[in-house]
């Protein structure tokens, strides 16, 4: 009897996962750098979190998923472009795997919130995972399923096809550790201090601890 697509689809998915694992292993042995693109609300916070992970070489803040080329920060946060505030995580797969990073990602956000993240509301602050091939999609789906099982709640974070990633303006990069004095609602203070006050006021760590408890990798005590 001729096999139908529905019959062979599980076989193809299994082969994609196996191939993906072999590919990750080969790249790890070769010492290559891989990239994971995710959106987790304010990109300053996601950049700060993941640059602390051993095996992560660099995290770049930017915009992706939208309909216009080379968007600006003002355009993205105003809405209507379709872009997410996102980051590209460049990592050494021989030290930390894509699966491990995605597990950390889910535990660093509120993946049950479809309207934004924490105090930042609107489409540009929603969560998402971006993938470029079937193997990456399978790894992301596994991480999403595991997160739903752990929380016993519906996960609204979509897994989307990766498109063009536009790095954000220079002043957004490494904002969390900048030494420049900026004018904020807290007065003129160093960028790094302004970032910490913003993060605390936004309730990011508080909500993550509420959801994930001691499984949250970046929320602290």
Protein backbone atom coordinates (compact mmCIF):
# COMPACT_ATOMS: atom_id res chain seq x y z
CA UNK A 1 0.00 0.00 0.00
CA UNK A 2 1.31 3.45 -0.88
CA UNK A 3 2.19 5.52 2.23
CA UNK A 4 0.28 8.76 2.69
CA UNK A 5 1.86 12.03 3.81
CA UNK A 6 0.17 11.66 7.21
CA UNK A 7 1.83 8.26 7.59
CA UNK A 8 5.31 9.49 6.78
CA UNK A 9 5.11 12.87 8.55
CA UNK A 10 6.14 11.43 11.98
CA UNK A 11 9.06 9.64 10.29
CA UNK A 12 10.20 12.87 8.64
CA UNK A 13 9.96 14.74 11.95
CA UNK A 14 12.04 12.05 13.69
CA UNK A 15 14.64 12.19 10.93
CA UNK A 16 14.75 16.00 11.22
CA UNK A 17 15.39 15.77 14.97
CA UNK A 18 18.10 13.11 14.50
CA UNK A 19 19.71 15.11 11.70
CA UNK A 20 19.55 18.26 13.83
CA UNK A 21 21.25 16.51 16.74
CA UNK A 22 23.98 15.17 14.45
CA UNK A 23 24.43 18.63 12.95
CA UNK A 24 24.70 20.26 16.39
CA UNK A 25 27.25 17.65 17.42
CA UNK A 26 29.31 18.18 14.24
CA UNK A 27 29.27 21.95 14.70
CA UNK A 28 30.19 21.63 18.35
CA UNK A 29 33.18 19.47 17.46
CA UNK A 30 34.21 22.04 14.86
CA UNK A 31 33.96 24.85 17.42
CA UNK A 32 31.52 26.83 15.30
CA UNK A 33 29.30 29.61 16.59
CA UNK A 34 25.54 29.24 16.26
CA UNK A 35 22.78 31.81 16.55
CA UNK A 36 19.46 31.67 18.40
CA UNK A 37 16.94 34.45 17.82
CA UNK A 38 14.25 35.06 20.45
CA UNK A 39 11.92 37.83 21.59
CA UNK A 40 11.34 38.18 25.32
CA UNK A 41 10.04 41.67 25.93
CA UNK A 42 12.54 44.44 26.58
CA UNK A 43 15.68 43.49 24.67
CA UNK A 44 17.92 45.20 27.24
CA UNK A 45 16.81 42.60 29.77
CA UNK A 46 17.14 39.58 27.48
CA UNK A 47 20.59 40.75 26.41
CA UNK A 48 21.65 41.21 30.03
CA UNK A 49 20.36 37.75 31.00
CA UNK A 50 21.96 35.73 28.24
CA UNK A 51 25.32 37.49 28.15
CA UNK A 52 25.83 35.98 31.63
CA UNK A 53 25.54 32.40 30.30
CA UNK A 54 28.82 30.46 29.86
CA UNK A 55 29.27 29.62 26.20
CA UNK A 56 27.41 32.71 24.95
CA UNK A 57 29.81 34.92 23.03
CA UNK A 58 27.57 37.90 22.34
CA UNK A 59 23.93 38.99 22.39
CA UNK A 60 22.74 41.61 19.90
CA UNK A 61 19.55 43.60 20.44
CA UNK A 62 17.42 44.26 17.40
CA UNK A 63 14.15 43.94 15.53
CA UNK A 64 12.66 41.10 13.47
CA UNK A 65 9.40 39.63 12.25
CA UNK A 66 8.04 42.81 10.69
CA UNK A 67 7.11 44.21 7.32
CA UNK A 68 9.39 47.23 6.85
CA UNK A 69 13.12 47.39 6.21
CA UNK A 70 15.57 48.87 8.71
CA UNK A 71 12.99 49.95 11.30
CA UNK A 72 13.87 52.42 14.03
CA UNK A 73 13.14 52.00 17.72
CA UNK A 74 10.46 54.69 17.58
CA UNK A 75 8.72 53.00 14.68
CA UNK A 76 8.74 49.59 16.37
CA UNK A 77 7.43 50.70 19.76
CA UNK A 78 4.81 52.93 18.12
CA UNK A 79 3.36 49.77 16.57
CA UNK A 80 2.17 48.81 13.12
CA UNK A 81 5.48 47.48 11.75
CA UNK A 82 4.96 43.91 12.95
CA UNK A 83 8.45 43.80 14.43
CA UNK A 84 9.36 42.27 17.75
CA UNK A 85 12.07 43.60 20.05
CA UNK A 86 14.37 40.60 19.77
CA UNK A 87 17.91 39.43 20.36
CA UNK A 88 20.36 37.24 18.50
CA UNK A 89 22.27 35.00 20.89
CA UNK A 90 25.61 33.89 19.45
CA UNK A 91 26.82 30.80 21.30
CA UNK A 92 29.31 27.93 21.32
CA UNK A 93 27.26 24.70 21.06
CA UNK A 94 30.09 22.68 22.59
CA UNK A 95 29.53 24.63 25.86
CA UNK A 96 25.79 25.35 25.84
CA UNK A 97 23.22 23.82 23.49
CA UNK A 98 20.27 25.39 21.71
CA UNK A 99 17.94 23.22 23.80
CA UNK A 100 19.51 24.47 27.04
CA UNK A 101 19.24 28.10 25.93
CA UNK A 102 15.58 27.65 25.04
CA UNK A 103 14.88 26.08 28.41
CA UNK A 104 16.48 29.15 30.04
CA UNK A 105 14.54 31.44 27.72
CA UNK A 106 11.13 30.10 28.72
CA UNK A 107 12.09 30.41 32.38
CA UNK A 108 13.18 34.03 31.93
CA UNK A 109 9.84 35.31 30.58
CA UNK A 110 6.10 34.99 31.11
CA UNK A 111 5.18 32.73 28.16
CA UNK A 112 1.50 32.82 29.17
CA UNK A 113 1.14 36.54 28.38
CA UNK A 114 -0.02 37.32 24.82
CA UNK A 115 -0.16 41.10 25.28
CA UNK A 116 3.48 41.94 25.97
CA UNK A 117 5.87 41.33 28.85
CA UNK A 118 5.59 42.69 32.37
CA UNK A 119 5.07 46.48 32.29
CA UNK A 120 5.83 46.67 28.55
CA UNK A 121 2.62 46.19 26.59
CA UNK A 122 1.98 45.90 22.88
CA UNK A 123 2.88 43.64 19.96
CA UNK A 124 6.56 44.57 19.86
CA UNK A 125 7.03 43.23 23.41
CA UNK A 126 5.49 39.80 22.84
CA UNK A 127 7.54 36.62 23.17
CA UNK A 128 8.58 34.49 20.18
CA UNK A 129 11.17 31.99 19.02
CA UNK A 130 12.53 32.23 15.47
CA UNK A 131 13.79 29.15 13.61
CA UNK A 132 15.48 28.64 10.26
CA UNK A 133 15.09 24.88 9.61
CA UNK A 134 13.05 21.81 10.67
CA UNK A 135 15.65 20.69 13.21
CA UNK A 136 15.59 24.04 15.02
CA UNK A 137 11.79 23.99 14.94
CA UNK A 138 11.70 20.53 16.52
CA UNK A 139 14.03 21.63 19.33
CA UNK A 140 11.88 24.73 19.95
CA UNK A 141 8.66 22.70 19.98
CA UNK A 142 10.14 20.29 22.51
CA UNK A 143 11.15 23.20 24.77
CA UNK A 144 7.69 24.75 24.44
CA UNK A 145 5.94 21.48 25.28
CA UNK A 146 8.18 20.98 28.31
CA UNK A 147 7.48 24.54 29.52
CA UNK A 148 3.72 23.97 29.21
CA UNK A 149 4.02 20.75 31.17
CA UNK A 150 6.09 22.47 33.89
CA UNK A 151 3.67 25.39 34.27
CA UNK A 152 0.49 23.39 33.59
CA UNK A 153 -0.66 26.41 31.58
CA UNK A 154 -1.05 27.27 27.90
CA UNK A 155 2.11 28.70 26.35
CA UNK A 156 1.32 31.48 23.87
CA UNK A 157 4.90 32.00 22.62
CA UNK A 158 4.84 31.29 18.86
CA UNK A 159 7.57 29.51 16.92
CA UNK A 160 8.09 31.53 13.74
CA UNK A 161 10.20 31.27 10.61
CA UNK A 162 13.31 33.38 10.92
CA UNK A 163 13.49 36.45 8.71
CA UNK A 164 15.78 39.46 8.47
CA UNK A 165 17.17 40.62 11.79
CA UNK A 166 17.95 44.34 12.06
CA UNK A 167 20.38 45.31 14.85
CA UNK A 168 18.99 48.07 17.05
CA UNK A 169 20.56 51.49 17.34
CA UNK A 170 24.01 51.58 18.90
CA UNK A 171 22.83 53.09 22.19
CA UNK A 172 20.63 50.04 22.83
CA UNK A 173 23.54 47.59 22.66
CA UNK A 174 24.85 46.60 26.12
CA UNK A 175 22.57 49.24 27.62
CA UNK A 176 22.53 47.37 30.94
CA UNK A 177 26.22 48.04 31.57
CA UNK A 178 26.61 51.48 30.01
CA UNK A 179 28.39 54.22 31.94
CA UNK A 180 26.87 57.18 30.10
CA UNK A 181 24.73 59.52 32.22
CA UNK A 182 21.16 59.61 30.92
CA UNK A 183 18.13 61.66 31.88
CA UNK A 184 15.32 59.46 33.21
CA UNK A 185 12.24 59.81 35.39
CA UNK A 186 14.63 58.97 38.22
CA UNK A 187 16.76 61.99 37.32
CA UNK A 188 20.18 62.08 35.60
CA UNK A 189 21.92 58.78 36.44
CA UNK A 190 24.29 56.27 34.86
CA UNK A 191 22.78 54.05 32.21
CA UNK A 192 23.55 50.87 34.17
CA UNK A 193 21.75 52.21 37.24
CA UNK A 194 18.81 53.43 35.13
CA UNK A 195 18.53 49.92 33.66
CA UNK A 196 18.40 48.29 37.10
CA UNK A 197 15.74 50.71 38.30
CA UNK A 198 13.68 50.16 35.17
CA UNK A 199 13.90 46.38 35.49
CA UNK A 200 12.85 46.44 39.11
CA UNK A 201 9.99 48.91 38.50
CA UNK A 202 8.75 46.85 35.56
CA UNK A 203 8.30 43.79 37.79
CA UNK A 204 10.14 41.41 35.46
CA UNK A 205 11.99 39.38 38.08
CA UNK A 206 9.08 39.40 40.48
CA UNK A 207 6.72 37.88 37.89
CA UNK A 208 9.29 35.36 36.67
CA UNK A 209 9.88 34.17 40.25
CA UNK A 210 6.12 33.93 40.76
CA UNK A 211 5.82 31.68 37.69
CA UNK A 212 8.99 29.62 37.85
CA UNK A 213 10.22 29.80 41.46
CA UNK A 214 13.76 28.50 41.86
CA UNK A 215 13.76 27.28 38.24
CA UNK A 216 14.16 30.86 37.02
CA UNK A 217 17.81 31.17 35.94
CA UNK A 218 18.16 34.96 36.00
CA UNK A 219 15.60 36.35 38.44
CA UNK A 220 17.79 36.11 41.53
CA UNK A 221 16.60 35.66 45.09
